[in-house]
Amino acid sequence: MREKKYYLAIDDHEYSIVTNSLNGLRNKLIAAGKYTDAVDELIVKFVKAPIKKFKIKRTEDSVYGKDNI
């Protein structure tokens, strides 16, 4: 059975927050003398993930309703 894939829609700011957070966690693990294999793999997966550009189309039936746009 195939593993489930998850997709994230994030902007450049959120991308840098995630990479900095993962790197900070890795540094804490190194300072504590623990293994960093899992975090290293996650950093590589996240950084090498393909980037797909897409447009968001607003409709009248938005999640927030007509008055809240």
PDB file of N, CA and C in Angstrom:
ATOM      1  N   MET A   1       0.842  -1.184   0.000  1.00  0.00           N
ATOM      2  CA  MET A   1       0.000   0.000   0.000  1.00  0.00           C
ATOM      3  C   MET A   1       0.885   1.246   0.000  1.00  0.00           C
ATOM      4  N   ARG A   2       0.484   2.242  -0.778  1.00  0.00           N
ATOM      5  CA  ARG A   2       1.267   3.468  -0.877  1.00  0.00           C
ATOM      6  C   ARG A   2       1.063   4.334   0.355  1.00  0.00           C
ATOM      7  N   GLU A   3       2.094   5.083   0.666  1.00  0.00           N
ATOM      8  CA  GLU A   3       1.990   6.037   1.773  1.00  0.00           C
ATOM      9  C   GLU A   3       1.136   7.216   1.339  1.00  0.00           C
ATOM     10  N   LYS A   4       0.443   7.806   2.292  1.00  0.00           N
ATOM     11  CA  LYS A   4      -0.359   8.988   2.001  1.00  0.00           C
ATOM     12  C   LYS A   4       0.552  10.177   1.761  1.00  0.00           C
ATOM     13  N   LYS A   5       0.184  11.000   0.806  1.00  0.00           N
ATOM     14  CA  LYS A   5       0.921  12.228   0.544  1.00  0.00           C
ATOM     15  C   LYS A   5       0.106  13.403   1.036  1.00  0.00           C
ATOM     16  N   TYR A   6       0.797  14.392   1.563  1.00  0.00           N
ATOM     17  CA  TYR A   6       0.158  15.597   2.050  1.00  0.00           C
ATOM     18  C   TYR A   6       0.719  16.789   1.286  1.00  0.00           C
ATOM     19  N   TYR A   7      -0.124  17.748   1.014  1.00  0.00           N
ATOM     20  CA  TYR A   7       0.284  18.940   0.282  1.00  0.00           C
ATOM     21  C   TYR A   7       0.050  20.167   1.150  1.00  0.00           C
ATOM     22  N   LEU A   8       1.015  21.088   1.108  1.00  0.00           N
ATOM     23  CA  LEU A   8       0.918  22.325   1.881  1.00  0.00           C
ATOM     24  C   LEU A   8       0.904  23.517   0.937  1.00  0.00           C
ATOM     25  N   ALA A   9       0.074  24.476   1.226  1.00  0.00           N
ATOM     26  CA  ALA A   9       0.070  25.734   0.491  1.00  0.00           C
ATOM     27  C   ALA A   9       0.609  26.795   1.446  1.00  0.00           C
ATOM     28  N   ILE A  10       1.873  27.171   1.249  1.00  0.00           N
ATOM     29  CA  ILE A  10       2.512  28.146   2.137  1.00  0.00           C
ATOM     30  C   ILE A  10       3.202  29.227   1.312  1.00  0.00           C
ATOM     31  N   ASP A  11       3.374  30.387   1.916  1.00  0.00           N
ATOM     32  CA  ASP A  11       4.073  31.469   1.229  1.00  0.00           C
ATOM     33  C   ASP A  11       5.548  31.462   1.625  1.00  0.00           C
ATOM     34  N   ASP A  12       6.299  32.402   1.096  1.00  0.00           N
ATOM     35  CA  ASP A  12       7.746  32.447   1.352  1.00  0.00           C
ATOM     36  C   ASP A  12       8.067  32.645   2.828  1.00  0.00           C
ATOM     37  N   HIS A  13       7.280  33.458   3.492  1.00  0.00           N
ATOM     38  CA  HIS A  13       7.509  33.721   4.920  1.00  0.00           C
ATOM     39  C   HIS A  13       7.302  32.446   5.738  1.00  0.00           C
ATOM     40  N   GLU A  14       6.228  31.740   5.474  1.00  0.00           N
ATOM     41  CA  GLU A  14       5.946  30.494   6.187  1.00  0.00           C
ATOM     42  C   GLU A  14       7.007  29.433   5.887  1.00  0.00           C
ATOM     43  N   TYR A  15       7.489  29.421   4.645  1.00  0.00           N
ATOM     44  CA  TYR A  15       8.549  28.489   4.253  1.00  0.00           C
ATOM     45  C   TYR A  15       9.806  28.723   5.089  1.00  0.00           C
ATOM     46  N   SER A  16      10.178  29.988   5.257  1.00  0.00           N
ATOM     47  CA  SER A  16      11.380  30.291   6.031  1.00  0.00           C
ATOM     48  C   SER A  16      11.169  29.969   7.516  1.00  0.00           C
ATOM     49  N   ILE A  17       9.955  30.167   8.024  1.00  0.00           N
ATOM     50  CA  ILE A  17       9.672  29.822   9.424  1.00  0.00           C
ATOM     51  C   ILE A  17       9.849  28.323   9.645  1.00  0.00           C
ATOM     52  N   VAL A  18       9.316  27.513   8.737  1.00  0.00           N
ATOM     53  CA  VAL A  18       9.418  26.055   8.883  1.00  0.00           C
ATOM     54  C   VAL A  18      10.870  25.602   8.803  1.00  0.00           C
ATOM     55  N   THR A  19      11.626  26.100   7.824  1.00  0.00           N
ATOM     56  CA  THR A  19      13.018  25.683   7.693  1.00  0.00           C
ATOM     57  C   THR A  19      13.847  26.128   8.900  1.00  0.00           C
ATOM     58  N   ASN A  20      13.627  27.349   9.376  1.00  0.00           N
ATOM     59  CA  ASN A  20      14.362  27.830  10.556  1.00  0.00           C
ATOM     60  C   ASN A  20      13.999  27.032  11.803  1.00  0.00           C
ATOM     61  N   SER A  21      12.728  26.675  11.936  1.00  0.00           N
ATOM     62  CA  SER A  21      12.295  25.888  13.095  1.00  0.00           C
ATOM     63  C   SER A  21      12.905  24.495  13.085  1.00  0.00           C
ATOM     64  N   LEU A  22      12.912  23.865  11.923  1.00  0.00           N
ATOM     65  CA  LEU A  22      13.514  22.536  11.822  1.00  0.00           C
ATOM     66  C   LEU A  22      15.014  22.589  12.092  1.00  0.00           C
ATOM     67  N   ASN A  23      15.656  23.629  11.599  1.00  0.00           N
ATOM     68  CA  ASN A  23      17.086  23.778  11.845  1.00  0.00           C
ATOM     69  C   ASN A  23      17.366  24.038  13.328  1.00  0.00           C
ATOM     70  N   GLY A  24      16.506  24.835  13.975  1.00  0.00           N
ATOM     71  CA  GLY A  24      16.644  25.083  15.412  1.00  0.00           C
ATOM     72  C   GLY A  24      16.467  23.809  16.222  1.00  0.00           C
ATOM     73  N   LEU A  25      15.489  22.980  15.838  1.00  0.00           N
ATOM     74  CA  LEU A  25      15.290  21.698  16.501  1.00  0.00           C
ATOM     75  C   LEU A  25      16.509  20.806  16.320  1.00  0.00           C
ATOM     76  N   ARG A  26      17.062  20.805  15.124  1.00  0.00           N
ATOM     77  CA  ARG A  26      18.268  20.004  14.853  1.00  0.00           C
ATOM     78  C   ARG A  26      19.435  20.459  15.724  1.00  0.00           C
ATOM     79  N   ASN A  27      19.592  21.776  15.858  1.00  0.00           N
ATOM     80  CA  ASN A  27      20.671  22.306  16.691  1.00  0.00           C
ATOM     81  C   ASN A  27      20.500  21.925  18.159  1.00  0.00           C
ATOM     82  N   LYS A  28      19.250  21.940  18.652  1.00  0.00           N
ATOM     83  CA  LYS A  28      18.987  21.536  20.036  1.00  0.00           C
ATOM     84  C   LYS A  28      19.314  20.062  20.254  1.00  0.00           C
ATOM     85  N   LEU A  29      18.957  19.234  19.274  1.00  0.00           N
ATOM     86  CA  LEU A  29      19.261  17.805  19.384  1.00  0.00           C
ATOM     87  C   LEU A  29      20.774  17.560  19.381  1.00  0.00           C
ATOM     88  N   ILE A  30      21.487  18.296  18.558  1.00  0.00           N
ATOM     89  CA  ILE A  30      22.954  18.167  18.519  1.00  0.00           C
ATOM     90  C   ILE A  30      23.547  18.591  19.859  1.00  0.00           C
ATOM     91  N   ALA A  31      23.054  19.700  20.421  1.00  0.00           N
ATOM     92  CA  ALA A  31      23.557  20.182  21.707  1.00  0.00           C
ATOM     93  C   ALA A  31      23.278  19.190  22.830  1.00  0.00           C
ATOM     94  N   ALA A  32      22.163  18.454  22.713  1.00  0.00           N
ATOM     95  CA  ALA A  32      21.811  17.466  23.738  1.00  0.00           C
ATOM     96  C   ALA A  32      22.481  16.122  23.482  1.00  0.00           C
ATOM     97  N   GLY A  33      23.212  16.012  22.389  1.00  0.00           N
ATOM     98  CA  GLY A  33      23.903  14.772  22.074  1.00  0.00           C
ATOM     99  C   GLY A  33      22.982  13.673  21.565  1.00  0.00           C
ATOM    100  N   LYS A  34      21.847  14.044  20.992  1.00  0.00           N
ATOM    101  CA  LYS A  34      20.889  13.066  20.486  1.00  0.00           C
ATOM    102  C   LYS A  34      21.011  12.939  18.971  1.00  0.00           C
ATOM    103  N   TYR A  35      20.401  11.886  18.439  1.00  0.00           N
ATOM    104  CA  TYR A  35      20.438  11.652  17.002  1.00  0.00           C
ATOM    105  C   TYR A  35      19.538  12.648  16.277  1.00  0.00           C
ATOM    106  N   THR A  36      19.979  13.068  15.095  1.00  0.00           N
ATOM    107  CA  THR A  36      19.219  14.039  14.309  1.00  0.00           C
ATOM    108  C   THR A  36      18.733  13.455  12.989  1.00  0.00           C
ATOM    109  N   ASP A  37      18.790  12.143  12.839  1.00  0.00           N
ATOM    110  CA  ASP A  37      18.462  11.512  11.561  1.00  0.00           C
ATOM    111  C   ASP A  37      17.056  11.864  11.070  1.00  0.00           C
ATOM    112  N   ALA A  38      16.065  11.770  11.932  1.00  0.00           N
ATOM    113  CA  ALA A  38      14.678  12.030  11.526  1.00  0.00           C
ATOM    114  C   ALA A  38      14.491  13.481  11.088  1.00  0.00           C
ATOM    115  N   VAL A  39      15.076  14.406  11.845  1.00  0.00           N
ATOM    116  CA  VAL A  39      14.950  15.824  11.497  1.00  0.00           C
ATOM    117  C   VAL A  39      15.713  16.125  10.214  1.00  0.00           C
ATOM    118  N   ASP A  40      16.873  15.508  10.042  1.00  0.00           N
ATOM    119  CA  ASP A  40      17.649  15.694   8.813  1.00  0.00           C
ATOM    120  C   ASP A  40      16.855  15.253   7.589  1.00  0.00           C
ATOM    121  N   GLU A  41      16.199  14.094   7.685  1.00  0.00           N
ATOM    122  CA  GLU A  41      15.402  13.598   6.570  1.00  0.00           C
ATOM    123  C   GLU A  41      14.234  14.529   6.270  1.00  0.00           C
ATOM    124  N   LEU A  42      13.619  15.043   7.314  1.00  0.00           N
ATOM    125  CA  LEU A  42      12.496  15.947   7.129  1.00  0.00           C
ATOM    126  C   LEU A  42      12.935  17.262   6.492  1.00  0.00           C
ATOM    127  N   ILE A  43      14.086  17.776   6.892  1.00  0.00           N
ATOM    128  CA  ILE A  43      14.617  19.005   6.288  1.00  0.00           C
ATOM    129  C   ILE A  43      14.868  18.788   4.805  1.00  0.00           C
ATOM    130  N   VAL A  44      15.486  17.671   4.459  1.00  0.00           N
ATOM    131  CA  VAL A  44      15.785  17.381   3.055  1.00  0.00           C
ATOM    132  C   VAL A  44      14.495  17.250   2.251  1.00  0.00           C
ATOM    133  N   LYS A  45      13.503  16.540   2.783  1.00  0.00           N
ATOM    134  CA  LYS A  45      12.225  16.386   2.082  1.00  0.00           C
ATOM    135  C   LYS A  45      11.551  17.741   1.874  1.00  0.00           C
ATOM    136  N   PHE A  46      11.563  18.553   2.885  1.00  0.00           N
ATOM    137  CA  PHE A  46      10.882  19.843   2.806  1.00  0.00           C
ATOM    138  C   PHE A  46      11.577  20.780   1.831  1.00  0.00           C
ATOM    139  N   VAL A  47      12.890  20.837   1.879  1.00  0.00           N
ATOM    140  CA  VAL A  47      13.638  21.758   1.020  1.00  0.00           C
ATOM    141  C   VAL A  47      13.611  21.313  -0.442  1.00  0.00           C
ATOM    142  N   LYS A  48      13.631  20.012  -0.690  1.00  0.00           N
ATOM    143  CA  LYS A  48      13.644  19.509  -2.058  1.00  0.00           C
ATOM    144  C   LYS A  48      12.256  19.264  -2.637  1.00  0.00           C
ATOM    145  N   ALA A  49      11.215  19.582  -1.892  1.00  0.00           N
ATOM    146  CA  ALA A  49       9.848  19.376  -2.382  1.00  0.00           C
ATOM    147  C   ALA A  49       9.598  20.267  -3.590  1.00  0.00           C
ATOM    148  N   PRO A  50       8.921  19.733  -4.604  1.00  0.00           N
ATOM    149  CA  PRO A  50       8.646  20.552  -5.787  1.00  0.00           C
ATOM    150  C   PRO A  50       7.685  21.689  -5.460  1.00  0.00           C
ATOM    151  N   ILE A  51       7.905  22.802  -6.125  1.00  0.00           N
ATOM    152  CA  ILE A  51       7.071  23.974  -5.914  1.00  0.00           C
ATOM    153  C   ILE A  51       6.108  24.085  -7.087  1.00  0.00           C
ATOM    154  N   LYS A  52       4.836  24.190  -6.773  1.00  0.00           N
ATOM    155  CA  LYS A  52       3.822  24.317  -7.798  1.00  0.00           C
ATOM    156  C   LYS A  52       3.074  25.619  -7.569  1.00  0.00           C
ATOM    157  N   LYS A  53       3.071  26.468  -8.578  1.00  0.00           N
ATOM    158  CA  LYS A  53       2.362  27.737  -8.465  1.00  0.00           C
ATOM    159  C   LYS A  53       0.912  27.522  -8.893  1.00  0.00           C
ATOM    160  N   PHE A  54       0.016  28.170  -8.201  1.00  0.00           N
ATOM    161  CA  PHE A  54      -1.391  28.072  -8.541  1.00  0.00           C
ATOM    162  C   PHE A  54      -2.096  29.367  -8.179  1.00  0.00           C
ATOM    163  N   LYS A  55      -3.222  29.576  -8.794  1.00  0.00           N
ATOM    164  CA  LYS A  55      -4.009  30.773  -8.525  1.00  0.00           C
ATOM    165  C   LYS A  55      -5.204  30.391  -7.673  1.00  0.00           C
ATOM    166  N   ILE A  56      -5.565  31.297  -6.798  1.00  0.00           N
ATOM    167  CA  ILE A  56      -6.741  31.099  -5.953  1.00  0.00           C
ATOM    168  C   ILE A  56      -7.877  31.894  -6.566  1.00  0.00           C
ATOM    169  N   LYS A  57      -8.936  31.203  -6.874  1.00  0.00           N
ATOM    170  CA  LYS A  57     -10.091  31.845  -7.491  1.00  0.00           C
ATOM    171  C   LYS A  57     -11.168  32.043  -6.432  1.00  0.00           C
ATOM    172  N   ARG A  58     -11.561  33.272  -6.235  1.00  0.00           N
ATOM    173  CA  ARG A  58     -12.609  33.569  -5.259  1.00  0.00           C
ATOM    174  C   ARG A  58     -13.966  33.427  -5.929  1.00  0.00           C
ATOM    175  N   THR A  59     -14.891  32.873  -5.202  1.00  0.00           N
ATOM    176  CA  THR A  59     -16.254  32.740  -5.692  1.00  0.00           C
ATOM    177  C   THR A  59     -17.209  33.418  -4.724  1.00  0.00           C
ATOM    178  N   GLU A  60     -18.443  33.544  -5.108  1.00  0.00           N
ATOM    179  CA  GLU A  60     -19.425  34.157  -4.217  1.00  0.00           C
ATOM    180  C   GLU A  60     -19.670  33.291  -2.993  1.00  0.00           C
ATOM    181  N   ASP A  61     -19.566  31.996  -3.152  1.00  0.00           N
ATOM    182  CA  ASP A  61     -19.796  31.070  -2.045  1.00  0.00           C
ATOM    183  C   ASP A  61     -18.484  30.753  -1.351  1.00  0.00           C
ATOM    184  N   SER A  62     -17.849  31.770  -0.811  1.00  0.00           N
ATOM    185  CA  SER A  62     -16.581  31.559  -0.138  1.00  0.00           C
ATOM    186  C   SER A  62     -16.816  30.985   1.255  1.00  0.00           C
ATOM    187  N   VAL A  63     -15.777  30.558   1.877  1.00  0.00           N
ATOM    188  CA  VAL A  63     -15.845  29.978   3.213  1.00  0.00           C
ATOM    189  C   VAL A  63     -16.326  31.009   4.225  1.00  0.00           C
ATOM    190  N   TYR A  64     -15.934  32.249   4.051  1.00  0.00           N
ATOM    191  CA  TYR A  64     -16.235  33.284   5.028  1.00  0.00           C
ATOM    192  C   TYR A  64     -17.558  33.984   4.776  1.00  0.00           C
ATOM    193  N   GLY A  65     -18.181  33.718   3.657  1.00  0.00           N
ATOM    194  CA  GLY A  65     -19.444  34.379   3.341  1.00  0.00           C
ATOM    195  C   GLY A  65     -19.212  35.650   2.552  1.00  0.00           C
ATOM    196  N   LYS A  66     -20.274  36.176   1.967  1.00  0.00           N
ATOM    197  CA  LYS A  66     -20.160  37.347   1.091  1.00  0.00           C
ATOM    198  C   LYS A  66     -19.764  38.610   1.849  1.00  0.00           C
ATOM    199  N   ASP A  67     -20.272  38.776   3.036  1.00  0.00           N
ATOM    200  CA  ASP A  67     -20.043  40.024   3.786  1.00  0.00           C
ATOM    201  C   ASP A  67     -18.654  40.111   4.408  1.00  0.00           C
ATOM    202  N   ASN A  68     -17.960  39.008   4.552  1.00  0.00           N
ATOM    203  CA  ASN A  68     -16.674  38.994   5.271  1.00  0.00           C
ATOM    204  C   ASN A  68     -15.469  39.056   4.352  1.00  0.00           C
ATOM    205  N   ILE A  69     -15.645  39.269   3.080  1.00  0.00           N
ATOM    206  CA  ILE A  69     -14.503  39.293   2.154  1.00  0.00           C
ATOM    207  C   ILE A  69     -13.862  40.651   2.156  1.00  0.00           C
TER     208      ILE A  69
END
